[in-house]
Protein backbone atom coordinates (compact mmCIF):
# COMPACT_ATOMS: atom_id res chain seq x y z
CA UNK A 1 38.26 -80.25 -136.05
CA UNK A 2 38.46 -81.50 -132.47
CA UNK A 3 36.01 -80.55 -129.71
CA UNK A 4 36.85 -81.01 -126.02
CA UNK A 5 34.10 -81.56 -123.43
CA UNK A 6 34.92 -81.61 -119.70
CA UNK A 7 32.03 -82.45 -117.36
CA UNK A 8 31.68 -84.83 -114.41
CA UNK A 9 28.13 -85.74 -115.48
CA UNK A 10 28.42 -88.70 -117.83
CA UNK A 11 24.83 -88.14 -118.95
CA UNK A 12 25.65 -84.63 -120.16
CA UNK A 13 28.96 -85.76 -121.65
CA UNK A 14 27.36 -88.54 -123.68
CA UNK A 15 24.43 -86.43 -124.89
CA UNK A 16 26.70 -83.59 -126.03
CA UNK A 17 29.24 -85.94 -127.61
CA UNK A 18 26.60 -87.92 -129.50
CA UNK A 19 24.74 -84.83 -130.72
CA UNK A 20 27.84 -82.92 -131.83
CA UNK A 21 29.34 -85.90 -133.65
CA UNK A 22 26.07 -86.88 -135.34
CA UNK A 23 24.77 -83.41 -136.18
CA UNK A 24 27.99 -81.56 -136.93
CA UNK A 25 30.35 -84.36 -137.92
CA UNK A 26 33.08 -83.19 -135.52
CA UNK A 27 35.45 -85.34 -133.48
CA UNK A 28 34.72 -85.07 -129.73
CA UNK A 29 37.04 -85.92 -126.83
CA UNK A 30 35.71 -86.08 -123.27
CA UNK A 31 37.07 -85.78 -119.74
CA UNK A 32 35.36 -85.90 -116.33
CA UNK A 33 37.99 -83.98 -114.32
CA UNK A 34 40.62 -81.30 -114.68
CA UNK A 35 43.36 -83.93 -114.50
CA UNK A 36 41.83 -85.95 -117.36
CA UNK A 37 41.48 -82.70 -119.28
CA UNK A 38 45.18 -81.88 -118.74
CA UNK A 39 46.14 -85.33 -120.00
CA UNK A 40 44.09 -84.81 -123.19
CA UNK A 41 45.59 -81.36 -123.74
CA UNK A 42 49.08 -82.83 -123.41
CA UNK A 43 48.32 -85.80 -125.65
CA UNK A 44 46.80 -83.67 -128.43
CA UNK A 45 49.17 -80.71 -127.95
CA UNK A 46 46.27 -78.33 -127.36
CA UNK A 47 44.82 -79.02 -130.82
CA UNK A 48 41.17 -78.27 -130.01
CA UNK A 49 38.90 -75.94 -131.96
CA UNK A 50 36.53 -75.41 -129.02
CA UNK A 51 36.13 -76.56 -125.40
CA UNK A 52 32.92 -77.06 -123.40
CA UNK A 53 33.80 -76.78 -119.71
CA UNK A 54 31.90 -77.57 -116.51
CA UNK A 55 32.31 -74.86 -113.83
CA UNK A 56 32.20 -77.35 -110.95
CA UNK A 57 34.51 -80.37 -111.32
CA UNK A 58 35.62 -82.78 -108.56
CA UNK A 59 39.17 -81.38 -108.64
CA UNK A 60 38.32 -77.82 -109.75
CA UNK A 61 35.16 -76.65 -108.03
CA UNK A 62 35.30 -72.91 -108.71
CA UNK A 63 35.86 -72.60 -112.43
CA UNK A 64 39.63 -73.11 -112.37
CA UNK A 65 39.26 -75.16 -115.55
CA UNK A 66 38.42 -71.95 -117.46
CA UNK A 67 41.68 -70.24 -116.52
CA UNK A 68 43.61 -73.43 -117.26
CA UNK A 69 42.15 -73.80 -120.78
CA UNK A 70 42.60 -70.07 -121.38
CA UNK A 71 46.40 -70.57 -121.18
CA UNK A 72 46.17 -72.64 -124.36
CA UNK A 73 44.03 -69.98 -126.09
CA UNK A 74 41.25 -72.46 -126.79
CA UNK A 75 37.83 -70.79 -127.23
CA UNK A 76 35.50 -72.05 -124.49
CA UNK A 77 31.86 -72.36 -123.52
CA UNK A 78 31.16 -72.51 -119.77
CA UNK A 79 28.57 -75.02 -118.50
CA UNK A 80 27.23 -74.16 -115.06
CA UNK A 81 24.52 -75.50 -112.79
CA UNK A 82 23.83 -72.12 -111.14
CA UNK A 83 23.64 -68.46 -112.13
CA UNK A 84 27.01 -66.69 -111.89
CA UNK A 85 27.73 -63.05 -111.11
CA UNK A 86 28.68 -61.29 -114.34
CA UNK A 87 31.37 -59.41 -112.38
CA UNK A 88 33.12 -62.69 -111.60
CA UNK A 89 36.74 -62.69 -112.82
CA UNK A 90 35.97 -65.79 -114.83
CA UNK A 91 34.16 -63.65 -117.39
CA UNK A 92 37.35 -61.62 -118.00
CA UNK A 93 38.94 -64.58 -119.77
CA UNK A 94 39.37 -63.44 -123.35
CA UNK A 95 38.69 -66.88 -124.82
CA UNK A 96 35.39 -67.48 -123.00
CA UNK A 97 32.74 -66.99 -125.68
CA UNK A 98 29.53 -67.91 -123.86
CA UNK A 99 28.04 -69.70 -120.87
CA UNK A 100 25.07 -72.05 -120.53
CA UNK A 101 22.92 -72.84 -117.48
CA UNK A 102 22.47 -76.60 -117.24
CA UNK A 103 18.75 -76.48 -116.60
CA UNK A 104 17.35 -79.33 -118.69
CA UNK A 105 17.27 -80.62 -122.27
CA UNK A 106 17.00 -77.10 -123.66
CA UNK A 107 20.51 -76.41 -122.36
CA UNK A 108 21.89 -79.27 -124.48
CA UNK A 109 20.14 -77.95 -127.61
CA UNK A 110 21.33 -74.41 -126.88
CA UNK A 111 24.93 -75.57 -126.36
CA UNK A 112 24.93 -77.46 -129.66
CA UNK A 113 23.51 -74.36 -131.39
CA UNK A 114 26.41 -72.27 -130.01
CA UNK A 115 28.95 -74.86 -131.19
CA UNK A 116 27.36 -74.96 -134.66
CA UNK A 117 27.31 -71.17 -134.93
CA UNK A 118 30.96 -70.95 -133.84
CA UNK A 119 32.03 -73.49 -136.49
CA UNK A 120 29.96 -71.87 -139.26
CA UNK A 121 31.31 -68.43 -138.39
CA UNK A 122 34.68 -69.47 -139.84
CA UNK A 123 33.08 -69.01 -143.28
CA UNK A 124 31.63 -65.56 -142.51
CA UNK A 125 33.37 -62.33 -143.57
CA UNK A 126 32.57 -59.26 -141.48
CA UNK A 127 33.65 -55.65 -142.09
CA UNK A 128 34.05 -53.09 -139.28
CA UNK A 129 34.01 -49.38 -140.15
CA UNK A 130 34.89 -46.89 -137.42
CA UNK A 131 37.32 -43.95 -137.37
CA UNK A 132 38.02 -44.68 -133.69
CA UNK A 133 40.84 -47.23 -133.74
CA UNK A 134 40.20 -48.05 -130.08
CA UNK A 135 36.53 -48.90 -130.60
CA UNK A 136 37.22 -50.67 -133.89
CA UNK A 137 39.79 -52.84 -132.08
CA UNK A 138 37.21 -53.69 -129.40
CA UNK A 139 34.70 -54.88 -132.01
CA UNK A 140 37.39 -56.71 -133.96
CA UNK A 141 38.45 -58.56 -130.81
CA UNK A 142 34.85 -59.62 -130.11
CA UNK A 143 34.30 -60.80 -133.68
CA UNK A 144 37.51 -62.83 -133.73
CA UNK A 145 36.61 -64.36 -130.37
CA UNK A 146 33.50 -65.74 -132.03
CA UNK A 147 35.49 -67.15 -134.98
CA UNK A 148 34.48 -64.50 -137.53
CA UNK A 149 36.84 -63.46 -140.34
CA UNK A 150 37.21 -59.74 -139.69
CA UNK A 151 38.43 -56.77 -141.72
CA UNK A 152 38.68 -53.22 -140.33
CA UNK A 153 38.45 -49.93 -142.25
CA UNK A 154 38.72 -46.52 -140.59
CA UNK A 155 36.99 -44.72 -143.46
CA UNK A 156 33.59 -45.32 -145.07
CA UNK A 157 35.00 -44.45 -148.50
CA UNK A 158 37.71 -47.09 -148.15
CA UNK A 159 35.04 -49.55 -146.98
CA UNK A 160 33.01 -49.16 -150.19
CA UNK A 161 36.10 -50.18 -152.16
CA UNK A 162 36.79 -53.09 -149.79
CA UNK A 163 33.28 -54.49 -150.34
CA UNK A 164 33.72 -54.35 -154.11
CA UNK A 165 36.89 -56.41 -153.81
CA UNK A 166 35.65 -58.84 -151.13
CA UNK A 167 32.52 -60.56 -152.40
CA UNK A 168 32.27 -62.79 -149.30
CA UNK A 169 31.54 -59.92 -146.88
CA UNK A 170 28.06 -60.56 -145.48
CA UNK A 171 27.92 -58.29 -142.40
CA UNK A 172 29.00 -54.64 -142.05
CA UNK A 173 29.28 -52.85 -138.70
CA UNK A 174 29.37 -49.10 -139.36
CA UNK A 175 29.70 -46.15 -136.99
CA UNK A 176 27.47 -43.11 -137.50
CA UNK A 177 29.85 -40.23 -136.75
CA UNK A 178 32.79 -40.33 -139.19
CA UNK A 179 34.58 -37.64 -141.24
CA UNK A 180 34.03 -37.12 -145.01
CA UNK A 181 31.31 -39.79 -145.24
CA UNK A 182 29.28 -40.69 -142.17
CA UNK A 183 27.61 -44.05 -141.50
CA UNK A 184 24.21 -42.97 -142.81
CA UNK A 185 25.68 -41.74 -146.10
CA UNK A 186 27.62 -44.98 -146.37
CA UNK A 187 24.42 -47.01 -145.83
CA UNK A 188 22.57 -45.13 -148.57
CA UNK A 189 25.52 -45.55 -150.95
CA UNK A 190 25.92 -49.28 -150.27
CA UNK A 191 22.22 -49.93 -150.79
CA UNK A 192 22.54 -48.71 -154.39
CA UNK A 193 24.49 -51.91 -155.14
CA UNK A 194 23.58 -54.43 -152.42
CA UNK A 195 20.17 -55.43 -151.08
CA UNK A 196 19.46 -56.11 -147.40
CA UNK A 197 19.45 -59.86 -148.02
CA UNK A 198 22.89 -59.69 -149.67
CA UNK A 199 24.86 -57.62 -147.14
CA UNK A 200 23.49 -56.88 -143.67
CA UNK A 201 24.34 -53.48 -142.17
CA UNK A 202 24.42 -53.03 -138.40
CA UNK A 203 24.70 -49.32 -137.60
CA UNK A 204 26.29 -48.07 -134.37
CA UNK A 205 26.15 -44.74 -132.58
CA UNK A 206 27.19 -43.23 -129.26
CA UNK A 207 24.27 -40.81 -129.32
CA UNK A 208 20.82 -41.77 -128.04
CA UNK A 209 18.80 -39.72 -130.54
CA UNK A 210 15.91 -41.87 -131.74
CA UNK A 211 15.80 -40.02 -135.07
CA UNK A 212 19.18 -41.47 -135.98
CA UNK A 213 17.93 -45.02 -135.44
CA UNK A 214 14.86 -44.33 -137.58
CA UNK A 215 16.98 -42.78 -140.35
CA UNK A 216 19.34 -45.74 -140.49
CA UNK A 217 16.49 -48.26 -140.66
CA UNK A 218 14.67 -46.14 -143.23
CA UNK A 219 17.65 -45.94 -145.55
CA UNK A 220 18.65 -49.57 -145.48
CA UNK A 221 20.30 -50.67 -142.22
CA UNK A 222 19.23 -54.12 -141.01
CA UNK A 223 19.86 -53.39 -137.34
CA UNK A 224 21.12 -50.76 -134.88
CA UNK A 225 23.32 -50.91 -131.77
CA UNK A 226 24.13 -48.24 -129.21
CA UNK A 227 27.85 -48.16 -128.44
CA UNK A 228 27.36 -48.96 -124.77
CA UNK A 229 26.41 -52.52 -125.74
CA UNK A 230 27.36 -55.54 -123.64
CA UNK A 231 29.44 -58.28 -125.21
CA UNK A 232 26.43 -60.60 -125.12
CA UNK A 233 24.20 -58.08 -126.87
CA UNK A 234 26.84 -57.42 -129.52
CA UNK A 235 27.34 -61.03 -130.50
CA UNK A 236 23.61 -61.82 -130.28
CA UNK A 237 22.85 -59.05 -132.82
CA UNK A 238 25.70 -60.10 -135.10
CA UNK A 239 24.67 -63.77 -135.00
CA UNK A 240 21.00 -62.95 -135.58
CA UNK A 241 21.88 -60.96 -138.72
CA UNK A 242 24.20 -63.70 -139.96
CA UNK A 243 21.40 -66.26 -139.57
CA UNK A 244 18.96 -64.06 -141.51
CA UNK A 245 21.48 -63.70 -144.37
CA UNK A 246 22.09 -67.47 -144.31
CA UNK A 247 18.35 -68.09 -144.47
CA UNK A 248 18.04 -65.84 -147.53
CA UNK A 249 21.03 -67.60 -149.14
CA UNK A 250 19.56 -71.02 -148.37
CA UNK A 251 16.14 -70.10 -149.78
CA UNK A 252 17.68 -68.57 -152.88
CA UNK A 253 19.99 -71.54 -153.35
CA UNK A 254 17.05 -73.96 -153.13
CA UNK A 255 15.24 -72.03 -155.88
CA UNK A 256 18.29 -72.45 -158.14
CA UNK A 257 19.17 -76.08 -157.47
CA UNK A 258 17.81 -79.45 -158.47
CA UNK A 259 17.08 -81.18 -155.14
CA UNK A 260 18.25 -84.62 -156.27
CA UNK A 261 21.59 -83.85 -157.93
CA UNK A 262 22.51 -80.55 -156.33
CA UNK A 263 23.21 -79.09 -159.79
CA UNK A 264 21.49 -75.95 -161.05
CA UNK A 265 17.95 -76.46 -162.38
CA UNK A 266 16.76 -75.73 -165.93
CA UNK A 267 15.01 -72.47 -164.99
CA UNK A 268 18.12 -70.98 -163.40
CA UNK A 269 20.40 -72.13 -166.24
CA UNK A 270 18.20 -70.37 -168.78
CA UNK A 271 17.92 -67.28 -166.58
CA UNK A 272 21.65 -66.81 -165.98
CA UNK A 273 22.57 -68.28 -169.36
CA UNK A 274 20.84 -65.54 -171.33
CA UNK A 275 23.11 -62.92 -169.77
CA UNK A 276 26.22 -65.04 -170.44
CA UNK A 277 25.07 -65.64 -174.02
CA UNK A 278 24.42 -61.96 -174.70
CA UNK A 279 27.81 -60.90 -173.31
CA UNK A 280 29.52 -63.58 -175.40
CA UNK A 281 27.75 -62.36 -178.55
CA UNK A 282 28.68 -58.72 -177.84
CA UNK A 283 32.33 -59.53 -177.12
CA UNK A 284 32.51 -62.23 -179.82
CA UNK A 285 33.96 -64.59 -177.24
CA UNK A 286 33.88 -68.39 -177.26
CA UNK A 287 30.69 -70.07 -176.06
CA UNK A 288 29.28 -73.60 -176.35
CA UNK A 289 26.07 -75.38 -175.38
CA UNK A 290 26.44 -79.09 -174.61
CA UNK A 291 23.76 -81.69 -173.90
CA UNK A 292 24.51 -84.92 -172.01
CA UNK A 293 22.09 -87.84 -171.74
CA UNK A 294 22.40 -91.06 -169.74
CA UNK A 295 22.12 -94.07 -172.05
CA UNK A 296 19.49 -96.77 -171.40
CA UNK A 297 18.21 -94.83 -168.39
CA UNK A 298 14.60 -96.02 -168.69
CA UNK A 299 15.72 -99.64 -169.07
CA UNK A 300 17.76 -99.33 -165.88
CA UNK A 301 14.79 -97.79 -163.99
CA UNK A 302 12.46 -100.54 -165.24
CA UNK A 303 14.94 -103.22 -164.12
CA UNK A 304 16.01 -101.81 -160.75
CA UNK A 305 13.41 -99.20 -159.83
CA UNK A 306 13.37 -95.42 -159.70
CA UNK A 307 15.59 -95.30 -156.61
CA UNK A 308 18.35 -96.86 -158.71
CA UNK A 309 17.67 -94.20 -161.34
CA UNK A 310 18.17 -91.53 -158.70
CA UNK A 311 21.50 -93.11 -157.73
CA UNK A 312 22.65 -93.00 -161.35
CA UNK A 313 21.62 -89.35 -161.75
CA UNK A 314 23.47 -88.37 -158.58
CA UNK A 315 26.51 -90.41 -159.67
CA UNK A 316 26.76 -88.66 -163.05
CA UNK A 317 26.06 -85.24 -161.51
CA UNK A 318 28.95 -85.67 -159.05
CA UNK A 319 31.35 -86.45 -161.89
CA UNK A 320 30.20 -83.44 -163.92
CA UNK A 321 30.48 -81.17 -160.90
CA UNK A 322 33.98 -82.43 -160.11
CA UNK A 323 35.48 -82.31 -163.60
CA UNK A 324 33.94 -79.17 -165.10
CA UNK A 325 35.67 -75.95 -164.05
CA UNK A 326 34.48 -72.42 -163.31
CA UNK A 327 34.13 -71.62 -167.01
CA UNK A 328 30.98 -73.74 -167.11
CA UNK A 329 27.41 -73.74 -165.84
CA UNK A 330 26.05 -77.26 -165.29
CA UNK A 331 22.35 -78.04 -164.84
CA UNK A 332 20.01 -80.96 -164.76
CA UNK A 333 17.85 -80.20 -167.80
CA UNK A 334 15.43 -83.09 -168.06
CA UNK A 335 14.70 -86.52 -166.62
CA UNK A 336 18.07 -88.04 -167.61
CA UNK A 337 19.54 -85.01 -169.37
CA UNK A 338 22.13 -82.44 -168.32
CA UNK A 339 23.00 -79.17 -170.03
CA UNK A 340 26.36 -77.41 -169.86
CA UNK A 341 27.11 -73.84 -170.91
CA UNK A 342 30.83 -73.72 -171.63
CA UNK A 343 32.71 -70.41 -171.85
CA UNK A 344 36.10 -69.33 -173.18
CA UNK A 345 37.08 -72.67 -174.75
CA UNK A 346 37.95 -73.33 -178.37
CA UNK A 347 36.32 -76.14 -180.36
CA UNK A 348 39.19 -78.61 -179.87
CA UNK A 349 39.23 -77.98 -176.11
CA UNK A 350 35.47 -78.53 -175.84
CA UNK A 351 35.79 -81.86 -177.64
CA UNK A 352 38.73 -82.91 -175.47
CA UNK A 353 37.04 -81.99 -172.17
CA UNK A 354 33.81 -83.85 -172.93
CA UNK A 355 35.56 -86.91 -174.36
CA UNK A 356 37.46 -87.12 -171.07
CA UNK A 357 34.23 -86.75 -169.08
CA UNK A 358 32.53 -89.40 -171.21
CA UNK A 359 35.40 -91.81 -170.46
CA UNK A 360 35.47 -90.97 -166.75
CA UNK A 361 31.75 -91.71 -166.42
CA UNK A 362 32.12 -94.98 -168.34
CA UNK A 363 35.12 -96.08 -166.25
CA UNK A 364 33.69 -95.13 -162.84
CA UNK A 365 31.66 -98.16 -161.73
CA UNK A 366 28.43 -97.79 -159.75
CA UNK A 367 27.09 -100.55 -157.51
CA UNK A 368 23.31 -101.10 -157.70
CA UNK A 369 21.72 -103.99 -155.78
CA UNK A 370 25.07 -105.79 -155.49
CA UNK A 371 25.63 -105.49 -159.25
CA UNK A 372 28.40 -103.38 -160.76
CA UNK A 373 27.29 -101.09 -163.58
CA UNK A 374 29.32 -98.98 -165.99
CA UNK A 375 27.11 -96.04 -166.93
CA UNK A 376 27.54 -94.51 -170.38
CA UNK A 377 26.39 -91.14 -171.69
CA UNK A 378 25.88 -89.55 -175.10
CA UNK A 379 27.15 -85.99 -175.60
CA UNK A 380 26.24 -83.51 -178.33
CA UNK A 381 26.87 -79.80 -178.52
CA UNK A 382 26.89 -76.60 -180.50
CA UNK A 383 29.53 -73.89 -180.71
CA UNK A 384 27.98 -71.71 -183.43
CA UNK A 385 26.08 -68.58 -182.34
CA UNK A 386 22.41 -68.45 -183.40
CA UNK A 387 19.60 -66.00 -182.64
CA UNK A 388 19.15 -67.09 -178.99
CA UNK A 389 20.49 -69.25 -176.16
CA UNK A 390 17.43 -71.48 -176.40
CA UNK A 391 18.08 -72.07 -180.10
CA UNK A 392 21.74 -72.99 -179.40
CA UNK A 393 20.54 -75.50 -176.79
CA UNK A 394 18.01 -76.93 -179.27
CA UNK A 395 20.77 -77.43 -181.85
CA UNK A 396 22.92 -79.21 -179.25
CA UNK A 397 19.93 -81.42 -178.39
CA UNK A 398 19.37 -82.25 -182.10
CA UNK A 399 23.01 -83.32 -182.37
CA UNK A 400 22.57 -85.50 -179.29
CA UNK A 401 19.41 -87.11 -180.71
CA UNK A 402 21.18 -87.92 -184.00
CA UNK A 403 24.03 -89.52 -182.07
CA UNK A 404 21.68 -91.72 -180.08
CA UNK A 405 19.63 -92.63 -183.16
CA UNK A 406 22.76 -93.70 -185.07
CA UNK A 407 24.27 -95.25 -181.89
CA UNK A 408 27.51 -93.31 -182.33
CA UNK A 409 29.66 -93.50 -179.19
CA UNK A 410 31.62 -90.27 -179.47
CA UNK A 411 31.28 -86.59 -178.68
CA UNK A 412 30.09 -84.40 -181.56
CA UNK A 413 30.03 -80.60 -181.35
CA UNK A 414 28.56 -78.56 -184.22
CA UNK A 415 30.88 -75.80 -185.39
């Protein structure tokens, strides 16, 4: 992704460029005039994800740069040293997403926050529900301007089906007055399946009755907007709700993950694993528990320190995460142990997969203190159903312990 910054203040240019590249990892190109900007546009064939544009440039003193960039349909943020009249024609440019007053260091932080939000929005799915095609199109246009993936339904009943099929939808904008099922009925129905921290609902209405607002909030809406909203108010509410959902996701993710390796932790594996185990038993489907342990881990830590041990754990975790597919749940289970729950694979396939992983780990060198190490792991598993998930894991661990005791360098899975 390429970001374009045009500003005649080299101080602002350098601060924005440094912050965006360091914090967001994006490539930034800079210009100090409209002519330099035109040269960059020509050189890169308009391939810019976002442009940050100074209103007052030496060769474009009245915002002409905005109209110029708009021709290339590049989303833009306006940087200005003075307050502008909102009726100014410059604000009619469909690709202008926001403007920032350059009034100190806060302006830099705020600009970077807008850039970050715009980039992250590319991963956000938003659903608009309104039987008015005109108003739905207005909201869709605003959402797309801010880089949101947008779907439109003109019926609340259709929208319930859409949400079932599109698990990535995080925000729903729903009108109150609709035929067959109104927005309030939709909200109550959706809340039977999705909590407020899973899918945020922003209700909209053209009526000013306060009772409607209270009803929506009472029955599960996260927020409410009157339909005479300004563009700024609309996107501020949408972004605020996105950030709340992201915060919930982040907090929940942290509770599931091992902070060092990024794999699931033992508690979460057991929690989700019990459901997977029970379904497998009921359906008589294939299911395996596999334990993996890093060989000579304590010796390595004693020789090189615990930081080296952390490097080894992360190294092995990355390989497991890369080479195990969606039919598996991988977790860090103990100090140097990993546990894998493997679904829908026959005995021979389980053996083959873990022999390959064992070889990949062994043949992927890791550099520690200028020394090259070839890490090895022992792998034992169980594919026979017993009375509980925990017991299946224990049997896999017993197989692993026997392997290590006998110093057998192969994968063994009980069947």
